[in-house]
Every structure is written in structure tokens, then in C-alpha cells.
Amino acid sequence: MASKELVELLRHYDELEGYYCSMDAYEEVAANQVVSWAWLARKWQWHRQERERIEALMIDVLPSLLPRITSCYELLTMWLTTSPGSTAQRMIEDRIAQEVIATTTNWFDLEALLAWVGQSSSPFVEQVKAQMRVLLFEITSEECPVWFSFLLCNIPRACIVLDALNSKVQELKAELRLG
């Protein structure tokens, strides 16, 4: 049986937007937990006075929803549609930190992640930089020309981990002298 509060909330918001459905339709949606994140996010953005109730629904949906999402962009979109510091946002942050950042091996994905969340407003910035450093330190002397030509052409973006880049350059120089 569906939560009466969820059924009422679904009906209330749809009526505010001019949609009318039978009570049975809301009961079915609530009972099957077919509440989509997009629906919740839209309600969250439009109905500021009800954000606390909507975020409670988000928290209910997240445990079953998060394990199925592998797209960094979907997770970031979800993260951006929660209140800063909320439980829902922290749950999404944990998923991004544990599953997405730590397993990303693509420089471009990490750059995109930084661009999405901004340099100063996110708890992910340091984690992303750490993963970029990991990628830099995995560069071998065989891959060196390709990687460094890429990085040197993109210095402004590479500067976010300039310390690691400089360190790796010194390491590779030493390796090439010894080899």
C-alpha cells in the first residue's frame, strides 16, 4: 500500500500545475514507487516552500535509484537539484566520490566534472584533482609524447594539477636520462 502522504503530495503538485488524475492513478504510482527523479527535481525547483517534504521523498527514492546510475552527468544533475548540505545531497556526493571519481580514468571526464561543479563550490574538487594526479603519475615514457603534447596544448586546464604535472615531467626527464 502506498504512503498516504506520497499520494497526497503527488496529487497536490499536479493540481498546482493544472494536471488532474484519478486518485487510483496516484495510488498506483506511489505503490510502485515510480516517482522519477526528474519529477521530484522539477517539483523541488518550482515549489520552494515544499522543498523539505520533496527532499524527504528524494531520500526515500535514492537507496534504490543510486546503485543503478553509472553516468557521472546524471549524478551531477541530481546533485545540483538538491539543497546544499541536505541528506539527499550527501547521499549523492557519497555515490559520486566512491564510484565515479575513484574509477574515472578519462582526463576529459574529470575536466568536465570540474567544469560542472565549479572550482570552489564543491566537495569534489580535491577528489577530482587527486584522480587527475593519479592519471598523470601513471603516464609512462612511451606515452609521454602524446600525453604531454595534449597537456601543453591545454595548459590552462592542466594547471589545476600543475604541481603533479611538474613532478611527472621531472620524473620522466630523469628516467629518459637513465635509459
C-alpha atoms as a PDB file:
ATOM      1  CA  MET A   1       0.000   0.000   0.000  1.00  0.00           C
ATOM      2  CA  ALA A   2       1.257   3.423  -0.889  1.00  0.00           C
ATOM      3  CA  SER A   3       2.098   6.068   1.610  1.00  0.00           C
ATOM      4  CA  LYS A   4      -0.898   8.372   2.038  1.00  0.00           C
ATOM      5  CA  GLU A   5       1.444  11.357   2.294  1.00  0.00           C
ATOM      6  CA  LEU A   6       3.110  10.469  -1.017  1.00  0.00           C
ATOM      7  CA  VAL A   7      -0.251  10.078  -2.738  1.00  0.00           C
ATOM      8  CA  GLU A   8      -1.437  13.442  -1.428  1.00  0.00           C
ATOM      9  CA  LEU A   9       1.810  15.124  -2.382  1.00  0.00           C
ATOM     10  CA  LEU A  10       1.666  13.762  -5.933  1.00  0.00           C
ATOM     11  CA  ARG A  11      -1.895  14.927  -6.306  1.00  0.00           C
ATOM     12  CA  HIS A  12      -1.257  18.339  -4.726  1.00  0.00           C
ATOM     13  CA  TYR A  13       1.631  19.231  -7.058  1.00  0.00           C
ATOM     14  CA  ASP A  14      -0.060  18.022 -10.173  1.00  0.00           C
ATOM     15  CA  GLU A  15      -3.150  20.069  -9.323  1.00  0.00           C
ATOM     16  CA  LEU A  16      -0.965  23.151  -8.825  1.00  0.00           C
ATOM     17  CA  GLU A  17       0.357  22.615 -12.342  1.00  0.00           C
ATOM     18  CA  GLY A  18      -3.090  22.052 -13.797  1.00  0.00           C
ATOM     19  CA  TYR A  19      -2.958  18.255 -14.104  1.00  0.00           C
ATOM     20  CA  TYR A  20      -5.798  16.149 -12.777  1.00  0.00           C
ATOM     21  CA  CYS A  21      -5.711  12.379 -12.392  1.00  0.00           C
ATOM     22  CA  SER A  22      -7.873   9.915 -10.554  1.00  0.00           C
ATOM     23  CA  MET A  23      -6.858   9.007  -7.026  1.00  0.00           C
ATOM     24  CA  ASP A  24      -6.269   5.442  -8.272  1.00  0.00           C
ATOM     25  CA  ALA A  25      -3.551   6.688 -10.619  1.00  0.00           C
ATOM     26  CA  TYR A  26      -1.714   8.339  -7.732  1.00  0.00           C
ATOM     27  CA  GLU A  27      -2.131   5.249  -5.572  1.00  0.00           C
ATOM     28  CA  GLU A  28      -0.609   3.110  -8.337  1.00  0.00           C
ATOM     29  CA  VAL A  29       2.326   5.480  -8.887  1.00  0.00           C
ATOM     30  CA  ALA A  30       3.046   5.700  -5.176  1.00  0.00           C
ATOM     31  CA  ALA A  31       2.614   1.957  -4.584  1.00  0.00           C
ATOM     32  CA  ASN A  32       5.022   1.071  -7.381  1.00  0.00           C
ATOM     33  CA  GLN A  33       7.456   3.817  -6.405  1.00  0.00           C
ATOM     34  CA  VAL A  34       7.506   5.034  -9.979  1.00  0.00           C
ATOM     35  CA  VAL A  35       8.308   8.529  -8.807  1.00  0.00           C
ATOM     36  CA  SER A  36      11.111   9.589 -11.100  1.00  0.00           C
ATOM     37  CA  TRP A  37      13.989  11.771 -10.043  1.00  0.00           C
ATOM     38  CA  ALA A  38      13.127  14.190 -12.855  1.00  0.00           C
ATOM     39  CA  TRP A  39       9.619  14.594 -11.445  1.00  0.00           C
ATOM     40  CA  LEU A  40      10.956  15.209  -7.941  1.00  0.00           C
ATOM     41  CA  ALA A  41      13.619  17.626  -9.187  1.00  0.00           C
ATOM     42  CA  ARG A  42      11.044  19.610 -11.148  1.00  0.00           C
ATOM     43  CA  LYS A  43       8.827  19.869  -8.079  1.00  0.00           C
ATOM     44  CA  TRP A  44      11.843  20.802  -5.955  1.00  0.00           C
ATOM     45  CA  GLN A  45      12.717  23.686  -8.292  1.00  0.00           C
ATOM     46  CA  TRP A  46       9.188  25.033  -8.697  1.00  0.00           C
ATOM     47  CA  HIS A  47       7.832  24.698  -5.168  1.00  0.00           C
ATOM     48  CA  ARG A  48      10.436  26.151  -2.847  1.00  0.00           C
ATOM     49  CA  GLN A  49       8.121  26.211   0.170  1.00  0.00           C
ATOM     50  CA  GLU A  50       7.721  22.422  -0.037  1.00  0.00           C
ATOM     51  CA  ARG A  51      11.385  21.513  -0.532  1.00  0.00           C
ATOM     52  CA  GLU A  52      11.705  19.772   2.807  1.00  0.00           C
ATOM     53  CA  ARG A  53       8.854  17.365   2.017  1.00  0.00           C
ATOM     54  CA  ILE A  54      10.130  16.788  -1.509  1.00  0.00           C
ATOM     55  CA  GLU A  55      13.644  16.081  -0.253  1.00  0.00           C
ATOM     56  CA  ALA A  56      12.191  13.534   2.167  1.00  0.00           C
ATOM     57  CA  LEU A  57      10.757  11.754  -0.882  1.00  0.00           C
ATOM     58  CA  MET A  58      14.121  12.049  -2.630  1.00  0.00           C
ATOM     59  CA  ILE A  59      15.783  10.366   0.352  1.00  0.00           C
ATOM     60  CA  ASP A  60      13.243   7.528   0.128  1.00  0.00           C
ATOM     61  CA  VAL A  61      13.932   7.030  -3.597  1.00  0.00           C
ATOM     62  CA  LEU A  62      17.741   7.355  -3.533  1.00  0.00           C
ATOM     63  CA  PRO A  63      18.737   3.991  -1.970  1.00  0.00           C
ATOM     64  CA  SER A  64      17.101   2.060  -4.801  1.00  0.00           C
ATOM     65  CA  LEU A  65      17.956   4.585  -7.504  1.00  0.00           C
ATOM     66  CA  LEU A  66      21.640   5.371  -6.855  1.00  0.00           C
ATOM     67  CA  PRO A  67      23.125   1.880  -7.393  1.00  0.00           C
ATOM     68  CA  ARG A  68      21.625   1.784 -10.895  1.00  0.00           C
ATOM     69  CA  ILE A  69      23.088   5.109 -12.032  1.00  0.00           C
ATOM     70  CA  THR A  70      26.561   4.987 -13.545  1.00  0.00           C
ATOM     71  CA  SER A  71      26.518   8.220 -15.506  1.00  0.00           C
ATOM     72  CA  CYS A  72      28.510  10.985 -13.903  1.00  0.00           C
ATOM     73  CA  TYR A  73      26.319  13.554 -15.629  1.00  0.00           C
ATOM     74  CA  GLU A  74      23.096  12.062 -14.257  1.00  0.00           C
ATOM     75  CA  LEU A  75      24.545  12.032 -10.759  1.00  0.00           C
ATOM     76  CA  LEU A  76      25.715  15.625 -11.078  1.00  0.00           C
ATOM     77  CA  THR A  77      22.312  16.709 -12.337  1.00  0.00           C
ATOM     78  CA  MET A  78      20.736  15.023  -9.333  1.00  0.00           C
ATOM     79  CA  TRP A  79      23.291  16.641  -7.027  1.00  0.00           C
ATOM     80  CA  LEU A  80      22.533  20.083  -8.451  1.00  0.00           C
ATOM     81  CA  THR A  81      18.807  19.610  -7.760  1.00  0.00           C
ATOM     82  CA  THR A  82      19.156  19.163  -4.018  1.00  0.00           C
ATOM     83  CA  SER A  83      19.627  21.670  -1.237  1.00  0.00           C
ATOM     84  CA  PRO A  84      23.233  22.292  -0.195  1.00  0.00           C
ATOM     85  CA  GLY A  85      24.108  20.198   2.837  1.00  0.00           C
ATOM     86  CA  SER A  86      20.908  18.137   2.699  1.00  0.00           C
ATOM     87  CA  THR A  87      20.848  14.401   3.382  1.00  0.00           C
ATOM     88  CA  ALA A  88      19.861  13.763  -0.237  1.00  0.00           C
ATOM     89  CA  GLN A  89      22.825  15.776  -1.473  1.00  0.00           C
ATOM     90  CA  ARG A  90      25.227  13.938   0.855  1.00  0.00           C
ATOM     91  CA  MET A  91      23.926  10.564  -0.369  1.00  0.00           C
ATOM     92  CA  ILE A  92      24.574  11.601  -3.962  1.00  0.00           C
ATOM     93  CA  GLU A  93      28.002  13.025  -3.032  1.00  0.00           C
ATOM     94  CA  ASP A  94      28.963   9.688  -1.470  1.00  0.00           C
ATOM     95  CA  ARG A  95      27.998   7.846  -4.646  1.00  0.00           C
ATOM     96  CA  ILE A  96      29.937  10.288  -6.835  1.00  0.00           C
ATOM     97  CA  ALA A  97      33.009  10.136  -4.596  1.00  0.00           C
ATOM     98  CA  GLN A  98      33.057   6.358  -4.174  1.00  0.00           C
ATOM     99  CA  GLU A  99      32.011   5.157  -7.567  1.00  0.00           C
ATOM    100  CA  VAL A 100      32.536   7.866 -10.144  1.00  0.00           C
ATOM    101  CA  ILE A 101      35.625   9.886  -9.305  1.00  0.00           C
ATOM    102  CA  ALA A 102      37.668   6.991  -7.973  1.00  0.00           C
ATOM    103  CA  THR A 103      37.072   4.867 -11.076  1.00  0.00           C
ATOM    104  CA  THR A 104      37.324   7.534 -13.773  1.00  0.00           C
ATOM    105  CA  THR A 105      40.344   7.019 -15.988  1.00  0.00           C
ATOM    106  CA  ASN A 106      39.450   9.596 -18.600  1.00  0.00           C
ATOM    107  CA  TRP A 107      41.031  13.034 -18.275  1.00  0.00           C
ATOM    108  CA  PHE A 108      38.201  14.668 -20.244  1.00  0.00           C
ATOM    109  CA  ASP A 109      35.557  13.265 -17.887  1.00  0.00           C
ATOM    110  CA  LEU A 110      37.431  14.683 -14.916  1.00  0.00           C
ATOM    111  CA  GLU A 111      37.741  18.080 -16.602  1.00  0.00           C
ATOM    112  CA  ALA A 112      34.032  18.014 -17.389  1.00  0.00           C
ATOM    113  CA  LEU A 113      33.250  17.143 -13.784  1.00  0.00           C
ATOM    114  CA  LEU A 114      35.238  20.158 -12.591  1.00  0.00           C
ATOM    115  CA  ALA A 115      33.503  22.398 -15.109  1.00  0.00           C
ATOM    116  CA  TRP A 116      30.082  21.232 -13.920  1.00  0.00           C
ATOM    117  CA  VAL A 117      30.603  21.717 -10.221  1.00  0.00           C
ATOM    118  CA  GLY A 118      32.801  24.789 -10.346  1.00  0.00           C
ATOM    119  CA  GLN A 119      36.190  25.274  -8.779  1.00  0.00           C
ATOM    120  CA  SER A 120      35.136  26.435  -5.344  1.00  0.00           C
ATOM    121  CA  SER A 121      31.612  25.292  -4.569  1.00  0.00           C
ATOM    122  CA  SER A 122      32.012  21.548  -4.481  1.00  0.00           C
ATOM    123  CA  PRO A 123      33.409  18.930  -2.157  1.00  0.00           C
ATOM    124  CA  PHE A 124      34.538  17.029  -5.254  1.00  0.00           C
ATOM    125  CA  VAL A 125      37.185  19.472  -6.430  1.00  0.00           C
ATOM    126  CA  GLU A 126      40.007  17.989  -4.354  1.00  0.00           C
ATOM    127  CA  GLN A 127      38.946  14.427  -5.165  1.00  0.00           C
ATOM    128  CA  VAL A 128      38.928  15.187  -8.882  1.00  0.00           C
ATOM    129  CA  LYS A 129      42.346  16.830  -8.652  1.00  0.00           C
ATOM    130  CA  ALA A 130      43.660  13.789  -6.781  1.00  0.00           C
ATOM    131  CA  GLN A 131      42.369  11.483  -9.518  1.00  0.00           C
ATOM    132  CA  MET A 132      43.958  13.726 -12.170  1.00  0.00           C
ATOM    133  CA  ARG A 133      47.258  13.416 -10.308  1.00  0.00           C
ATOM    134  CA  VAL A 134      46.852   9.634 -10.311  1.00  0.00           C
ATOM    135  CA  LEU A 135      46.368   9.701 -14.081  1.00  0.00           C
ATOM    136  CA  LEU A 136      49.449  11.882 -14.518  1.00  0.00           C
ATOM    137  CA  PHE A 137      51.622   9.595 -12.420  1.00  0.00           C
ATOM    138  CA  GLU A 138      50.526   6.583 -14.476  1.00  0.00           C
ATOM    139  CA  ILE A 139      51.995   8.085 -17.659  1.00  0.00           C
ATOM    140  CA  THR A 140      54.923   6.053 -18.923  1.00  0.00           C
ATOM    141  CA  SER A 141      57.813   7.282 -21.018  1.00  0.00           C
ATOM    142  CA  GLU A 142      56.285   5.527 -24.057  1.00  0.00           C
ATOM    143  CA  GLU A 143      53.050   7.512 -23.681  1.00  0.00           C
ATOM    144  CA  CYS A 144      54.894  10.678 -22.767  1.00  0.00           C
ATOM    145  CA  PRO A 145      54.949  12.482 -26.152  1.00  0.00           C
ATOM    146  CA  VAL A 146      51.220  12.061 -26.746  1.00  0.00           C
ATOM    147  CA  TRP A 147      50.167  12.970 -23.219  1.00  0.00           C
ATOM    148  CA  PHE A 148      52.410  15.949 -22.809  1.00  0.00           C
ATOM    149  CA  SER A 149      51.636  17.411 -26.202  1.00  0.00           C
ATOM    150  CA  PHE A 150      47.990  17.220 -25.150  1.00  0.00           C
ATOM    151  CA  LEU A 151      48.649  18.770 -21.738  1.00  0.00           C
ATOM    152  CA  LEU A 152      50.895  21.506 -23.076  1.00  0.00           C
ATOM    153  CA  CYS A 153      48.252  22.486 -25.629  1.00  0.00           C
ATOM    154  CA  ASN A 154      45.758  22.677 -22.779  1.00  0.00           C
ATOM    155  CA  ILE A 155      47.884  24.368 -20.120  1.00  0.00           C
ATOM    156  CA  PRO A 156      45.042  26.408 -18.583  1.00  0.00           C
ATOM    157  CA  ARG A 157      43.113  23.221 -17.869  1.00  0.00           C
ATOM    158  CA  ALA A 158      46.212  21.274 -16.866  1.00  0.00           C
ATOM    159  CA  CYS A 159      47.209  23.997 -14.384  1.00  0.00           C
ATOM    160  CA  ILE A 160      44.739  22.699 -11.836  1.00  0.00           C
ATOM    161  CA  VAL A 161      47.237  19.925 -11.130  1.00  0.00           C
ATOM    162  CA  LEU A 162      50.375  21.771 -12.180  1.00  0.00           C
ATOM    163  CA  ASP A 163      52.323  20.500  -9.173  1.00  0.00           C
ATOM    164  CA  ALA A 164      51.721  16.904 -10.259  1.00  0.00           C
ATOM    165  CA  LEU A 165      52.464  17.745 -13.871  1.00  0.00           C
ATOM    166  CA  ASN A 166      55.807  19.349 -12.942  1.00  0.00           C
ATOM    167  CA  SER A 167      56.673  16.391 -10.744  1.00  0.00           C
ATOM    168  CA  LYS A 168      55.908  13.928 -13.508  1.00  0.00           C
ATOM    169  CA  VAL A 169      57.962  15.919 -16.019  1.00  0.00           C
ATOM    170  CA  GLN A 170      60.966  15.780 -13.662  1.00  0.00           C
ATOM    171  CA  GLU A 171      60.458  12.048 -13.100  1.00  0.00           C
ATOM    172  CA  LEU A 172      60.275  11.334 -16.832  1.00  0.00           C
ATOM    173  CA  LYS A 173      63.311  13.507 -17.556  1.00  0.00           C
ATOM    174  CA  ALA A 174      65.295  11.517 -15.005  1.00  0.00           C
ATOM    175  CA  GLU A 175      64.011   8.248 -16.457  1.00  0.00           C
ATOM    176  CA  LEU A 176      64.961   9.268 -20.002  1.00  0.00           C
ATOM    177  CA  ARG A 177      68.476  10.275 -18.886  1.00  0.00           C
ATOM    178  CA  LEU A 178      68.984   6.927 -17.183  1.00  0.00           C
ATOM    179  CA  GLY A 179      67.536   4.912 -20.066  1.00  0.00           C
END
